[in-house]
């Protein structure tokens, strides 16, 4: 499973992740609690991450 693009829907407690490969095929659909997001992302290979533009996106982008 190679994720090239990961979309993240930010929320207060549960985040939705949607990952696709280079061909655009869905390879990941996952719900994570806020506390598990950093652990999950640290295990991924580098990829493009898109997230909605809201106040909390600035925190997660850093």
C-alpha atoms as a PDB file:
ATOM      1  CA  UNK A   1       0.000   0.000   0.000  1.00  0.00           C
ATOM      2  CA  UNK A   2       1.766   3.157  -1.215  1.00  0.00           C
ATOM      3  CA  UNK A   3      -0.114   6.346  -0.437  1.00  0.00           C
ATOM      4  CA  UNK A   4       0.821   9.283  -2.665  1.00  0.00           C
ATOM      5  CA  UNK A   5      -1.944  11.667  -1.577  1.00  0.00           C
ATOM      6  CA  UNK A   6      -3.709  11.763   1.770  1.00  0.00           C
ATOM      7  CA  UNK A   7      -6.806  13.845   2.463  1.00  0.00           C
ATOM      8  CA  UNK A   8      -7.676  14.680   6.052  1.00  0.00           C
ATOM      9  CA  UNK A   9     -11.050  15.936   7.255  1.00  0.00           C
ATOM     10  CA  UNK A  10     -10.372  17.686  10.556  1.00  0.00           C
ATOM     11  CA  UNK A  11     -12.911  17.526  13.371  1.00  0.00           C
ATOM     12  CA  UNK A  12     -12.995  17.988  17.122  1.00  0.00           C
ATOM     13  CA  UNK A  13     -12.379  14.378  18.109  1.00  0.00           C
ATOM     14  CA  UNK A  14     -12.518  12.023  15.101  1.00  0.00           C
ATOM     15  CA  UNK A  15     -10.562  12.668  11.897  1.00  0.00           C
ATOM     16  CA  UNK A  16     -11.380  11.031   8.548  1.00  0.00           C
ATOM     17  CA  UNK A  17      -8.398   9.994   6.372  1.00  0.00           C
ATOM     18  CA  UNK A  18      -8.626   9.125   2.685  1.00  0.00           C
ATOM     19  CA  UNK A  19      -5.486   7.929   0.890  1.00  0.00           C
ATOM     20  CA  UNK A  20      -4.951   7.234  -2.809  1.00  0.00           C
ATOM     21  CA  UNK A  21      -2.046   5.758  -4.764  1.00  0.00           C
ATOM     22  CA  UNK A  22      -0.351   7.162  -7.882  1.00  0.00           C
ATOM     23  CA  UNK A  23      -3.122   5.763 -10.116  1.00  0.00           C
ATOM     24  CA  UNK A  24      -5.852   7.405  -8.048  1.00  0.00           C
ATOM     25  CA  UNK A  25      -7.112   4.158  -6.534  1.00  0.00           C
ATOM     26  CA  UNK A  26      -8.330   4.350  -2.945  1.00  0.00           C
ATOM     27  CA  UNK A  27      -5.911   2.475  -0.678  1.00  0.00           C
ATOM     28  CA  UNK A  28      -6.932   3.871   2.706  1.00  0.00           C
ATOM     29  CA  UNK A  29     -10.128   5.005   4.402  1.00  0.00           C
ATOM     30  CA  UNK A  30      -9.742   5.391   8.118  1.00  0.00           C
ATOM     31  CA  UNK A  31     -11.253   7.155  11.137  1.00  0.00           C
ATOM     32  CA  UNK A  32      -8.809   8.174  13.836  1.00  0.00           C
ATOM     33  CA  UNK A  33      -9.212   9.867  17.175  1.00  0.00           C
ATOM     34  CA  UNK A  34      -7.249  13.095  17.635  1.00  0.00           C
ATOM     35  CA  UNK A  35      -4.618  11.409  19.836  1.00  0.00           C
ATOM     36  CA  UNK A  36      -3.812   8.738  17.238  1.00  0.00           C
ATOM     37  CA  UNK A  37      -3.263  11.013  14.215  1.00  0.00           C
ATOM     38  CA  UNK A  38       0.376  11.942  14.850  1.00  0.00           C
ATOM     39  CA  UNK A  39       1.338   8.342  15.576  1.00  0.00           C
ATOM     40  CA  UNK A  40      -0.310   7.181  12.352  1.00  0.00           C
ATOM     41  CA  UNK A  41       1.253   9.935  10.216  1.00  0.00           C
ATOM     42  CA  UNK A  42       4.729   9.316  11.627  1.00  0.00           C
ATOM     43  CA  UNK A  43       4.615   5.763  10.250  1.00  0.00           C
ATOM     44  CA  UNK A  44       3.705   6.825   6.691  1.00  0.00           C
ATOM     45  CA  UNK A  45       6.168   7.402   3.880  1.00  0.00           C
ATOM     46  CA  UNK A  46       6.312  11.059   2.781  1.00  0.00           C
ATOM     47  CA  UNK A  47       3.287  12.016   0.675  1.00  0.00           C
ATOM     48  CA  UNK A  48       1.163  15.000  -0.300  1.00  0.00           C
ATOM     49  CA  UNK A  49      -1.349  15.835   2.441  1.00  0.00           C
ATOM     50  CA  UNK A  50      -4.406  17.985   1.851  1.00  0.00           C
ATOM     51  CA  UNK A  51      -6.628  19.264   4.626  1.00  0.00           C
ATOM     52  CA  UNK A  52      -9.525  21.619   4.885  1.00  0.00           C
ATOM     53  CA  UNK A  53      -8.738  25.256   5.599  1.00  0.00           C
ATOM     54  CA  UNK A  54      -9.996  25.910   9.096  1.00  0.00           C
ATOM     55  CA  UNK A  55      -8.503  27.192  12.321  1.00  0.00           C
ATOM     56  CA  UNK A  56      -7.157  23.781  13.384  1.00  0.00           C
ATOM     57  CA  UNK A  57      -5.498  23.115  10.006  1.00  0.00           C
ATOM     58  CA  UNK A  58      -2.682  25.516  10.919  1.00  0.00           C
ATOM     59  CA  UNK A  59      -1.880  23.473  14.029  1.00  0.00           C
ATOM     60  CA  UNK A  60      -1.841  20.163  12.137  1.00  0.00           C
ATOM     61  CA  UNK A  61       0.145  21.574   9.200  1.00  0.00           C
ATOM     62  CA  UNK A  62       3.008  22.466  11.545  1.00  0.00           C
END
